[in-house]
Amino acid sequence: MTLASIEAYSRDVRRFLGFLDHLPIKQVTLGRLQDYTDSLAEHAPATRARLLSSVKSLFGFAQKIGYLPFDPARAVKLPRKKNMLAERIFTEEQIQELIFQEQHPRNRTILRLLYHAGVRASELCQLKWRDVLPRDVGGQVTVHGKGERTRHILVSNGTWENLLALQPDSGPDDPVFASRKTGVCQS
């Protein structure tokens, strides 16, 4: 789980605990959970689902460790979210145009890696120069991602040349994509 996910779940649980107004979770009933669910009506289904998922995780964990004898949140159903993925997918032409229009070499290389190599933003931000290796054709980047999985990804000659152009005075433990402000890429 990423730090951003942990922070989001923590924020959601604090919101729920605020709704309870100091009522201990051992005294929360299904009716009180339904009141909380009803209080979220003004939110979009995806937001309601996330907020309720956090609460369900809290109660599930509390039961798992023996703090609660049963999980009253198990009966709470998450709202269905409309799958809108197809509406957010760019065409290949749109992506190529986006990459072409980027004038800054660093940003263009970031876009190329995100698209052509399928690198996640969090993986890109963790990329160090020691993770970038030459190959017979192009190069290879090793990324450490979700679930502590390591992936080795071959990159094209063009992307490889763009990467190498960013390296002049970098050491093996330096980030490939340091930010100008903090020195560390933020995903």
Foldseek 3Di string as FASTA:
>chain_A
DDPVLVVLLVVLVVVVVVLVVPDDPLPDALVNVVVVLVVCVVDDLVVSQSSLVSVQVVQVVCCVVPVHVDRRSVPPDRDDDDDCVVVPDDDPVVLVVVLVPDDDLLVSLVSCCCPVFVDDQVQLQQWFQLQWACDPAATWGWTQDPPRDIDITGDGNVSSVSQVVQPDPGDRGQRSRQDPPPGTRDD
